[in-house]
Amino acid sequence: MKSHKDKIDKKIDLKRENTLWNHILTRLFHRGETIADKKKNSYIIWTSNLWTGGFYPIFKIKFNENKEIVKIETELSLYGKLCLTLLILIITIFTTFFLIIPAIEHYRKINFFFLIPVLLYSLLIFGFYIIILRIYYLEKRYLVEDLKIIVGVETKENIEKKEFNKKEGTFSKIIGRIFLYPFSVFIIIMSIIMIFKGGPNGHKGFIGALIAVGYLFADIKIILNKRKKTKANNV
């Protein structure tokens, strides 16, 4: 019987070191391929697709002397960490020069009407963060499920059954979608405007649209898949 390590080896497309440069190359040229940084008793595995942008997880897998998995850790990819750092830097600079400094210089003129755009800006940043987080955890869950199937500790049918039994109509999920769906559409509209205006903000608009569309696509796909299975079970 093949070990966990042997089964994983069959699914690996490329062997690369876990470096920032190789993650950038993954985003540019190797989307959809499974890539691994192989050591004797440990693997670092990752894959990327169009919808996750740079916010995809990497899996750090440790094996015992029998080549069986003894530990799995996940974290954001190096490219994702770079994107997140740049995003935080851009937000910090924008907040400092367009909100904090003007507020200090004109603190006596601050009123309710000044607080409205500040509140909208805060909601925009918070919503953007939630969408990125949602994309990351969805992709992480999918990859964990794929890994379980590959090594044989779970079957596709059992995973689909567990997923089907999860309720999509819970209060928290409904409230989350009421907020995130319109917000995602808003981000897409604003991103399209930025793209058509061109200039230095054009690429930011593309990234924003990609993240928002990626979240909507992944979440709606989950709902539609469950509805198809529900109809099939009712036939």
Protein backbone atom coordinates (compact mmCIF):
# COMPACT_ATOMS: atom_id res chain seq x y z
CA MET A 1 0.00 0.00 0.00
CA LYS A 2 1.34 3.40 -0.97
CA SER A 3 2.30 5.86 1.76
CA HIS A 4 0.85 9.36 2.15
CA LYS A 5 4.05 10.80 0.72
CA ASP A 6 3.91 8.59 -2.39
CA LYS A 7 0.28 9.53 -3.03
CA ILE A 8 1.05 13.24 -2.74
CA ASP A 9 4.05 12.89 -5.10
CA LYS A 10 1.72 11.70 -7.87
CA LYS A 11 -0.28 14.95 -7.68
CA ILE A 12 2.68 17.35 -7.74
CA ASP A 13 3.26 19.06 -11.10
CA LEU A 14 6.38 21.13 -10.37
CA LYS A 15 9.21 21.16 -7.87
CA ARG A 16 10.22 24.66 -6.72
CA GLU A 17 11.72 26.28 -3.64
CA ASN A 18 9.39 28.22 -1.37
CA THR A 19 10.69 31.69 -2.30
CA LEU A 20 8.93 34.96 -3.07
CA TRP A 21 10.19 34.89 -6.65
CA ASN A 22 8.79 31.42 -7.27
CA HIS A 23 5.42 32.47 -5.85
CA ILE A 24 5.39 35.45 -8.22
CA LEU A 25 6.14 33.06 -11.10
CA THR A 26 3.32 30.83 -9.85
CA ARG A 27 0.85 33.73 -10.17
CA LEU A 28 2.14 34.66 -13.62
CA PHE A 29 2.75 31.31 -15.34
CA HIS A 30 1.69 28.33 -13.20
CA ARG A 31 -1.90 28.94 -12.12
CA GLY A 32 -3.76 25.70 -11.49
CA GLU A 33 -0.59 23.63 -11.05
CA THR A 34 0.37 21.94 -7.77
CA ILE A 35 3.87 23.00 -6.73
CA ALA A 36 6.04 21.63 -3.93
CA ASP A 37 9.24 22.49 -2.10
CA LYS A 38 10.42 18.98 -1.23
CA LYS A 39 12.68 18.08 1.67
CA LYS A 40 13.40 14.61 3.04
CA ASN A 41 10.80 14.66 5.83
CA SER A 42 8.71 17.68 4.89
CA TYR A 43 6.92 19.26 1.95
CA ILE A 44 5.68 22.78 1.37
CA ILE A 45 2.85 22.64 -1.15
CA TRP A 46 0.83 25.37 -2.85
CA THR A 47 -1.38 26.07 -5.83
CA SER A 48 -2.97 29.24 -7.17
CA ASN A 49 -5.89 30.08 -9.41
CA LEU A 50 -7.39 33.12 -11.09
CA TRP A 51 -9.89 33.89 -8.32
CA THR A 52 -7.65 33.83 -5.25
CA GLY A 53 -5.22 36.48 -6.44
CA GLY A 54 -2.19 36.35 -4.20
CA PHE A 55 -4.17 35.32 -1.15
CA TYR A 56 -3.73 31.56 -1.36
CA PRO A 57 -2.43 29.29 1.43
CA ILE A 58 0.65 27.10 1.54
CA PHE A 59 0.69 23.74 3.31
CA LYS A 60 3.64 22.71 5.46
CA ILE A 61 3.48 18.91 5.75
CA LYS A 62 5.75 16.80 7.96
CA PHE A 63 6.21 13.04 7.53
CA ASN A 64 7.44 10.33 9.87
CA GLU A 65 9.94 7.59 9.00
CA ASN A 66 7.12 5.60 7.34
CA LYS A 67 6.30 8.54 5.04
CA GLU A 68 2.96 9.10 6.78
CA ILE A 69 1.69 12.60 7.59
CA VAL A 70 2.21 13.56 11.23
CA LYS A 71 1.62 17.32 11.05
CA ILE A 72 0.05 19.88 8.70
CA GLU A 73 0.37 23.64 9.10
CA THR A 74 -1.05 26.35 6.84
CA GLU A 75 -0.19 29.98 6.34
CA LEU A 76 -0.54 32.72 3.77
CA SER A 77 1.84 32.44 0.83
CA LEU A 78 4.88 34.72 0.58
CA TYR A 79 3.27 36.48 -2.39
CA GLY A 80 0.09 36.91 -0.35
CA LYS A 81 2.09 38.40 2.52
CA LEU A 82 3.72 40.83 0.07
CA CYS A 83 0.32 41.84 -1.35
CA LEU A 84 -1.07 42.27 2.17
CA THR A 85 1.92 44.38 3.25
CA LEU A 86 1.61 46.64 0.19
CA LEU A 87 -2.13 46.94 0.75
CA ILE A 88 -1.62 47.94 4.40
CA LEU A 89 1.08 50.42 3.33
CA ILE A 90 -1.18 52.03 0.71
CA ILE A 91 -4.09 52.25 3.15
CA THR A 92 -1.84 53.73 5.86
CA ILE A 93 -0.41 56.39 3.51
CA PHE A 94 -3.85 57.30 2.17
CA THR A 95 -5.35 57.46 5.67
CA THR A 96 -2.48 59.59 6.97
CA PHE A 97 -2.38 62.17 4.16
CA PHE A 98 -6.07 62.38 3.27
CA LEU A 99 -7.77 61.85 6.64
CA ILE A 100 -5.52 62.22 9.68
CA ILE A 101 -3.44 65.24 8.59
CA PRO A 102 -6.45 67.21 7.24
CA ALA A 103 -8.38 66.37 10.42
CA ILE A 104 -5.53 67.71 12.59
CA GLU A 105 -5.15 70.84 10.47
CA HIS A 106 -8.89 71.60 10.48
CA TYR A 107 -9.91 70.01 13.79
CA ARG A 108 -12.11 73.01 14.70
CA LYS A 109 -14.19 72.53 11.57
CA ILE A 110 -14.84 68.83 12.10
CA ASN A 111 -18.58 68.09 12.20
CA PHE A 112 -21.07 65.35 11.40
CA PHE A 113 -20.64 65.78 7.65
CA PHE A 114 -16.91 65.17 7.96
CA LEU A 115 -17.54 61.94 9.87
CA ILE A 116 -19.77 60.46 7.14
CA PRO A 117 -16.96 59.86 4.58
CA VAL A 118 -14.71 58.65 7.41
CA LEU A 119 -17.34 56.08 8.38
CA LEU A 120 -17.84 54.99 4.75
CA TYR A 121 -14.08 54.69 4.31
CA SER A 122 -13.82 52.56 7.47
CA LEU A 123 -16.61 50.28 6.24
CA LEU A 124 -14.87 49.99 2.86
CA ILE A 125 -11.59 48.89 4.44
CA PHE A 126 -13.32 46.49 6.84
CA GLY A 127 -15.40 44.93 4.04
CA PHE A 128 -12.35 44.56 1.82
CA TYR A 129 -10.53 42.79 4.65
CA ILE A 130 -13.47 40.42 5.27
CA ILE A 131 -13.64 39.52 1.57
CA ILE A 132 -9.90 38.73 1.42
CA LEU A 133 -10.19 36.66 4.60
CA ARG A 134 -13.19 34.80 3.20
CA ILE A 135 -11.36 33.98 -0.05
CA TYR A 136 -8.33 32.71 1.87
CA TYR A 137 -10.33 30.42 4.17
CA LEU A 138 -12.48 29.07 1.33
CA GLU A 139 -9.38 28.18 -0.69
CA LYS A 140 -7.74 26.68 2.42
CA ARG A 141 -10.79 24.50 3.06
CA TYR A 142 -10.93 23.27 -0.54
CA LEU A 143 -7.25 22.35 -0.53
CA VAL A 144 -7.49 20.54 2.82
CA GLU A 145 -10.39 18.50 1.42
CA ASP A 146 -8.37 17.69 -1.73
CA LEU A 147 -5.43 16.60 0.43
CA LYS A 148 -7.65 14.29 2.50
CA ILE A 149 -8.94 12.66 -0.68
CA ILE A 150 -5.43 12.27 -2.13
CA VAL A 151 -3.99 10.48 0.92
CA GLY A 152 -7.12 8.37 1.32
CA VAL A 153 -8.29 9.48 4.77
CA GLU A 154 -11.54 10.81 3.31
CA THR A 155 -13.63 10.22 0.21
CA LYS A 156 -15.09 12.79 -2.15
CA GLU A 157 -18.59 11.44 -1.47
CA ASN A 158 -18.25 11.87 2.32
CA ILE A 159 -16.89 15.40 1.97
CA GLU A 160 -19.74 16.35 -0.36
CA LYS A 161 -22.22 14.83 2.08
CA LYS A 162 -20.79 16.82 5.00
CA GLU A 163 -20.81 19.98 2.90
CA PHE A 164 -24.38 19.32 1.82
CA ASN A 165 -25.50 18.93 5.45
CA LYS A 166 -24.10 22.33 6.39
CA LYS A 167 -26.87 24.90 6.52
CA GLU A 168 -26.41 27.92 4.28
CA GLY A 169 -29.45 29.67 5.73
CA THR A 170 -28.09 30.30 9.22
CA PHE A 171 -28.57 33.76 10.68
CA SER A 172 -24.85 34.62 10.64
CA LYS A 173 -24.42 33.57 6.99
CA ILE A 174 -27.52 35.48 5.89
CA ILE A 175 -26.36 38.64 7.67
CA GLY A 176 -22.86 38.21 6.25
CA ARG A 177 -24.16 37.91 2.69
CA ILE A 178 -26.55 40.85 3.11
CA PHE A 179 -23.49 42.96 3.86
CA LEU A 180 -20.84 41.35 1.65
CA TYR A 181 -22.80 40.90 -1.60
CA PRO A 182 -23.75 44.57 -2.08
CA PHE A 183 -20.31 45.58 -0.86
CA SER A 184 -18.65 43.30 -3.42
CA VAL A 185 -20.79 44.80 -6.19
CA PHE A 186 -19.80 48.27 -4.99
CA ILE A 187 -16.10 47.32 -5.12
CA ILE A 188 -16.54 45.93 -8.64
CA ILE A 189 -18.24 49.14 -9.84
CA MET A 190 -15.59 51.37 -8.27
CA SER A 191 -12.83 49.15 -9.66
CA ILE A 192 -14.27 49.34 -13.19
CA ILE A 193 -14.37 53.13 -12.90
CA MET A 194 -10.73 53.17 -11.79
CA ILE A 195 -9.75 50.88 -14.68
CA PHE A 196 -11.45 53.04 -17.31
CA LYS A 197 -10.00 56.24 -15.84
CA GLY A 198 -6.55 54.71 -16.19
CA GLY A 199 -3.56 56.35 -14.57
CA PRO A 200 -1.70 54.96 -11.55
CA ASN A 201 -4.89 53.54 -10.00
CA GLY A 202 -5.77 51.33 -12.97
CA HIS A 203 -3.97 48.24 -11.66
CA LYS A 204 -5.51 48.74 -8.20
CA GLY A 205 -8.94 48.66 -9.80
CA PHE A 206 -8.10 45.39 -11.53
CA ILE A 207 -6.95 43.80 -8.26
CA GLY A 208 -10.05 45.03 -6.41
CA ALA A 209 -12.40 43.69 -9.10
CA LEU A 210 -10.59 40.34 -9.18
CA ILE A 211 -10.91 39.86 -5.41
CA ALA A 212 -14.59 40.88 -5.29
CA VAL A 213 -15.55 38.74 -8.29
CA GLY A 214 -13.54 35.84 -6.86
CA TYR A 215 -15.48 35.96 -3.59
CA LEU A 216 -18.88 36.19 -5.30
CA PHE A 217 -18.00 33.36 -7.70
CA ALA A 218 -16.81 31.02 -4.93
CA ASP A 219 -19.71 31.71 -2.58
CA ILE A 220 -22.46 31.52 -5.23
CA LYS A 221 -20.91 28.31 -6.59
CA ILE A 222 -21.28 26.71 -3.14
CA ILE A 223 -24.96 27.67 -2.98
CA LEU A 224 -25.73 26.47 -6.52
CA ASN A 225 -23.96 23.14 -5.96
CA LYS A 226 -26.05 22.53 -2.86
CA ARG A 227 -29.26 23.39 -4.70
CA LYS A 228 -28.39 20.95 -7.51
CA LYS A 229 -27.79 18.17 -5.00
CA THR A 230 -31.01 19.01 -3.18
CA LYS A 231 -33.00 18.72 -6.40
CA ALA A 232 -31.25 15.45 -7.28
CA ASN A 233 -32.07 13.99 -3.89
CA ASN A 234 -35.71 15.01 -4.21
CA VAL A 235 -36.18 13.35 -7.60
